[in-house]
C-alpha atoms as a PDB file:
ATOM      1  CA  MET A   1      -9.368  11.107  11.472  1.00  0.00           C
ATOM      2  CA  VAL A   2      -7.954   9.655   8.456  1.00  0.00           C
ATOM      3  CA  LYS A   3      -9.843  10.331   5.171  1.00  0.00           C
ATOM      4  CA  PHE A   4      -7.254   9.512   2.484  1.00  0.00           C
ATOM      5  CA  ALA A   5      -4.650   6.513   1.896  1.00  0.00           C
ATOM      6  CA  LEU A   6      -2.296   5.014  -0.626  1.00  0.00           C
ATOM      7  CA  TRP A   7      -1.855   1.344  -1.294  1.00  0.00           C
ATOM      8  CA  VAL A   8       1.561   0.491  -3.346  1.00  0.00           C
ATOM      9  CA  PRO A   9       2.007  -3.161  -4.316  1.00  0.00           C
ATOM     10  CA  LEU A  10       5.608  -4.055  -4.538  1.00  0.00           C
ATOM     11  CA  HIS A  11       6.835  -7.078  -6.457  1.00  0.00           C
ATOM     12  CA  ALA A  12      10.508  -7.844  -5.638  1.00  0.00           C
ATOM     13  CA  LYS A  13      12.829  -9.003  -8.371  1.00  0.00           C
ATOM     14  CA  PRO A  14      14.017 -12.322  -7.842  1.00  0.00           C
ATOM     15  CA  GLY A  15      17.151 -12.236  -5.246  1.00  0.00           C
ATOM     16  CA  LYS A  16      16.292  -8.972  -4.329  1.00  0.00           C
ATOM     17  CA  GLU A  17      13.818  -9.900  -1.410  1.00  0.00           C
ATOM     18  CA  LYS A  18      16.048  -8.810   1.314  1.00  0.00           C
ATOM     19  CA  GLU A  19      17.220  -5.704  -0.245  1.00  0.00           C
ATOM     20  CA  VAL A  20      13.348  -4.795  -0.650  1.00  0.00           C
ATOM     21  CA  GLU A  21      12.981  -5.579   3.077  1.00  0.00           C
ATOM     22  CA  GLU A  22      15.957  -3.335   4.237  1.00  0.00           C
ATOM     23  CA  PHE A  23      14.624  -0.431   2.005  1.00  0.00           C
ATOM     24  CA  LEU A  24      11.209  -0.358   3.364  1.00  0.00           C
ATOM     25  CA  LEU A  25      12.549  -0.514   7.084  1.00  0.00           C
ATOM     26  CA  ALA A  26      14.936   2.349   6.077  1.00  0.00           C
ATOM     27  CA  GLY A  27      11.933   4.441   5.016  1.00  0.00           C
ATOM     28  CA  LEU A  28      10.304   4.493   8.614  1.00  0.00           C
ATOM     29  CA  PRO A  29      12.429   7.355   9.862  1.00  0.00           C
ATOM     30  CA  LEU A  30      11.639   9.126   6.862  1.00  0.00           C
ATOM     31  CA  VAL A  31       7.872   9.067   7.374  1.00  0.00           C
ATOM     32  CA  GLN A  32       8.233   9.890  10.994  1.00  0.00           C
ATOM     33  CA  ALA A  33       9.355  13.189   9.960  1.00  0.00           C
ATOM     34  CA  GLU A  34       6.020  13.662   8.045  1.00  0.00           C
ATOM     35  CA  ALA A  35       3.527  15.699   9.990  1.00  0.00           C
ATOM     36  CA  GLY A  36       0.770  15.200   7.536  1.00  0.00           C
ATOM     37  CA  THR A  37       1.318  11.218   7.380  1.00  0.00           C
ATOM     38  CA  THR A  38      -1.029   9.654  10.229  1.00  0.00           C
ATOM     39  CA  ALA A  39      -0.343   6.038   9.584  1.00  0.00           C
ATOM     40  CA  TRP A  40       2.533   4.274   7.535  1.00  0.00           C
ATOM     41  CA  PHE A  41       2.872   0.449   7.199  1.00  0.00           C
ATOM     42  CA  ALA A  42       5.362  -1.589   5.243  1.00  0.00           C
ATOM     43  CA  LEU A  43       4.251  -5.003   4.574  1.00  0.00           C
ATOM     44  CA  ARG A  44       5.254  -8.377   3.551  1.00  0.00           C
ATOM     45  CA  LEU A  45       2.649 -10.203   1.878  1.00  0.00           C
ATOM     46  CA  GLY A  46       4.768 -13.141   0.657  1.00  0.00           C
ATOM     47  CA  PRO A  47       7.903 -14.456  -0.255  1.00  0.00           C
ATOM     48  CA  SER A  48       8.441 -11.689  -2.979  1.00  0.00           C
ATOM     49  CA  MET A  49       5.332  -9.606  -2.645  1.00  0.00           C
ATOM     50  CA  PHE A  50       5.598  -6.244  -0.314  1.00  0.00           C
ATOM     51  CA  GLY A  51       3.296  -3.517   0.055  1.00  0.00           C
ATOM     52  CA  ILE A  52       2.979   0.239   1.608  1.00  0.00           C
ATOM     53  CA  PHE A  53      -0.140   1.400   3.118  1.00  0.00           C
ATOM     54  CA  ASP A  54      -0.233   4.827   4.602  1.00  0.00           C
ATOM     55  CA  ALA A  55      -3.200   7.167   5.672  1.00  0.00           C
ATOM     56  CA  PHE A  56      -3.561  10.864   5.765  1.00  0.00           C
ATOM     57  CA  PRO A  57      -6.073  13.340   7.393  1.00  0.00           C
ATOM     58  CA  ASP A  58      -6.489  15.308   4.291  1.00  0.00           C
ATOM     59  CA  GLU A  59      -5.354  15.664   0.664  1.00  0.00           C
ATOM     60  CA  ALA A  60      -2.642  18.072   1.535  1.00  0.00           C
ATOM     61  CA  GLY A  61      -0.972  15.379   3.646  1.00  0.00           C
ATOM     62  CA  ARG A  62      -1.123  12.551   0.950  1.00  0.00           C
ATOM     63  CA  ASN A  63       0.132  15.162  -1.636  1.00  0.00           C
ATOM     64  CA  ALA A  64       3.080  16.035   0.877  1.00  0.00           C
ATOM     65  CA  HIS A  65       3.864  12.334   1.018  1.00  0.00           C
ATOM     66  CA  LEU A  66       3.836  11.731  -2.618  1.00  0.00           C
ATOM     67  CA  CYS A  67       6.206  14.672  -3.232  1.00  0.00           C
ATOM     68  CA  GLY A  68       8.404  13.734  -0.182  1.00  0.00           C
ATOM     69  CA  LYS A  69      11.443  11.721   0.384  1.00  0.00           C
ATOM     70  CA  VAL A  70      10.021   8.162   0.807  1.00  0.00           C
ATOM     71  CA  ALA A  71       8.310   8.518  -2.789  1.00  0.00           C
ATOM     72  CA  GLU A  72      11.379   9.873  -4.205  1.00  0.00           C
ATOM     73  CA  ALA A  73      13.484   6.931  -2.976  1.00  0.00           C
ATOM     74  CA  LEU A  74      11.015   4.235  -4.187  1.00  0.00           C
ATOM     75  CA  MET A  75      11.049   5.676  -7.714  1.00  0.00           C
ATOM     76  CA  ALA A  76      14.812   6.071  -7.640  1.00  0.00           C
ATOM     77  CA  LYS A  77      15.216   2.508  -6.407  1.00  0.00           C
ATOM     78  CA  ALA A  78      12.265   0.928  -8.416  1.00  0.00           C
ATOM     79  CA  PRO A  79      14.381  -0.262 -11.636  1.00  0.00           C
ATOM     80  CA  ASP A  80      16.945  -2.153  -9.415  1.00  0.00           C
ATOM     81  CA  LEU A  81      14.501  -3.750  -6.922  1.00  0.00           C
ATOM     82  CA  PHE A  82      11.055  -4.139  -8.384  1.00  0.00           C
ATOM     83  CA  ALA A  83       9.820  -6.807 -11.266  1.00  0.00           C
ATOM     84  CA  LYS A  84       7.452  -4.240 -12.371  1.00  0.00           C
ATOM     85  CA  PRO A  85       7.078  -0.342 -11.601  1.00  0.00           C
ATOM     86  CA  PRO A  86       5.296   0.497  -8.313  1.00  0.00           C
ATOM     87  CA  SER A  87       1.523   1.366  -8.923  1.00  0.00           C
ATOM     88  CA  ILE A  88       0.552   4.009  -6.559  1.00  0.00           C
ATOM     89  CA  GLU A  89      -3.384   3.427  -5.712  1.00  0.00           C
ATOM     90  CA  LYS A  90      -5.228   6.712  -4.196  1.00  0.00           C
ATOM     91  CA  LEU A  91      -7.950   5.392  -1.605  1.00  0.00           C
ATOM     92  CA  ASP A  92     -10.553   7.109   0.495  1.00  0.00           C
ATOM     93  CA  VAL A  93     -10.819   5.804   3.991  1.00  0.00           C
ATOM     94  CA  LEU A  94     -14.424   5.249   4.817  1.00  0.00           C
ATOM     95  CA  ALA A  95     -13.927   4.362   8.683  1.00  0.00           C
ATOM     96  CA  ALA A  96     -10.860   3.663  10.837  1.00  0.00           C
ATOM     97  CA  LYS A  97      -9.767   2.963  14.311  1.00  0.00           C
ATOM     98  CA  LEU A  98      -6.303   4.292  15.357  1.00  0.00           C
ATOM     99  CA  PRO A  99      -4.916   4.881  18.979  1.00  0.00           C
END
């Protein structure tokens, strides 16, 4: 069962929407290699609004993800791709349905 999550809203710089989409798609193989990441979603919420939602069974999995390759790449690319720095919100999962 997942108990912890992250929500990261991302606002693309004008003209960078396609690059943000490609960046998020490239993140999937990285998170697939993370044993402690139960669920990971890269989302498009509007023309220039994106987001990442991920879920973890424990705090150790969430912390490992925050120190992993996806987070590292996100922070490295942030000045080029995003209108403002990503805000990483820690969440507690109250209930979930997973396959």
